Amino acid sequence: MAYIINDDCISCGACASACPVGCISEGDAKYVINADECVSCGSCADACPVGAPVEE
């Protein structure tokens, strides 16, 4: 199951730096995860200071 980034995102970029497959990019209001590329490893959730990435 892929991860999504909820509205708690503060756009710090920690999740994108931690993603081993590079499927996270900066969106208009928050970072977004490409669900087709996400391998559900949880690295983004571990790196996020506010817990914005959650399992879909």
Protein backbone atom coordinates (compact mmCIF):
# COMPACT_ATOMS: atom_id res chain seq x y z
CA MET A 1 0.00 0.00 0.00
CA ALA A 2 1.46 3.33 -1.06
CA TYR A 3 1.99 6.29 1.24
CA ILE A 4 0.33 9.69 0.85
CA ILE A 5 1.26 13.00 2.45
CA ASN A 6 -1.51 14.58 4.50
CA ASP A 7 -2.18 18.27 5.14
CA ASP A 8 0.15 18.31 8.15
CA CYS A 9 3.06 18.68 5.67
CA ILE A 10 5.27 21.71 6.37
CA SER A 11 7.13 21.41 3.04
CA CYS A 12 10.53 20.83 4.65
CA GLY A 13 11.62 18.22 2.09
CA ALA A 14 12.86 15.66 4.61
CA CYS A 15 10.64 12.98 3.08
CA ALA A 16 11.93 13.57 -0.45
CA SER A 17 15.54 13.31 0.73
CA ALA A 18 14.80 10.04 2.52
CA CYS A 19 12.93 8.33 -0.33
CA PRO A 20 15.09 5.56 -1.83
CA VAL A 21 13.19 5.49 -5.13
CA GLY A 22 12.78 9.25 -5.61
CA CYS A 23 9.00 9.23 -5.90
CA ILE A 24 8.37 12.33 -3.75
CA SER A 25 8.27 15.80 -5.26
CA GLU A 26 7.27 19.28 -4.18
CA GLY A 27 3.67 20.10 -4.97
CA ASP A 28 1.81 23.39 -4.82
CA ALA A 29 0.84 23.29 -1.14
CA LYS A 30 2.75 20.24 0.11
CA TYR A 31 5.00 17.43 -1.04
CA VAL A 32 3.35 14.63 -3.04
CA ILE A 33 4.13 10.95 -3.52
CA ASN A 34 3.77 9.20 -6.86
CA ALA A 35 1.75 6.14 -5.79
CA ASP A 36 2.80 4.17 -8.87
CA GLU A 37 6.47 4.41 -7.87
CA CYS A 38 6.11 4.17 -4.07
CA VAL A 39 7.49 0.90 -2.64
CA SER A 40 5.82 1.43 0.78
CA CYS A 41 9.10 1.27 2.68
CA GLY A 42 8.16 3.93 5.25
CA SER A 43 11.40 5.91 4.95
CA CYS A 44 9.45 9.09 4.32
CA ALA A 45 7.34 8.61 7.44
CA ASP A 46 10.43 7.95 9.54
CA ALA A 47 12.12 11.12 8.27
CA CYS A 48 9.15 13.47 8.60
CA PRO A 49 9.22 15.72 11.69
CA VAL A 50 5.43 16.13 11.72
CA GLY A 51 4.25 12.66 10.64
CA ALA A 52 2.64 13.83 7.39
CA PRO A 53 3.35 10.70 5.28
CA VAL A 54 0.80 8.01 6.12
CA GLU A 55 -0.23 4.75 4.53
CA GLU A 56 -3.05 5.22 2.04
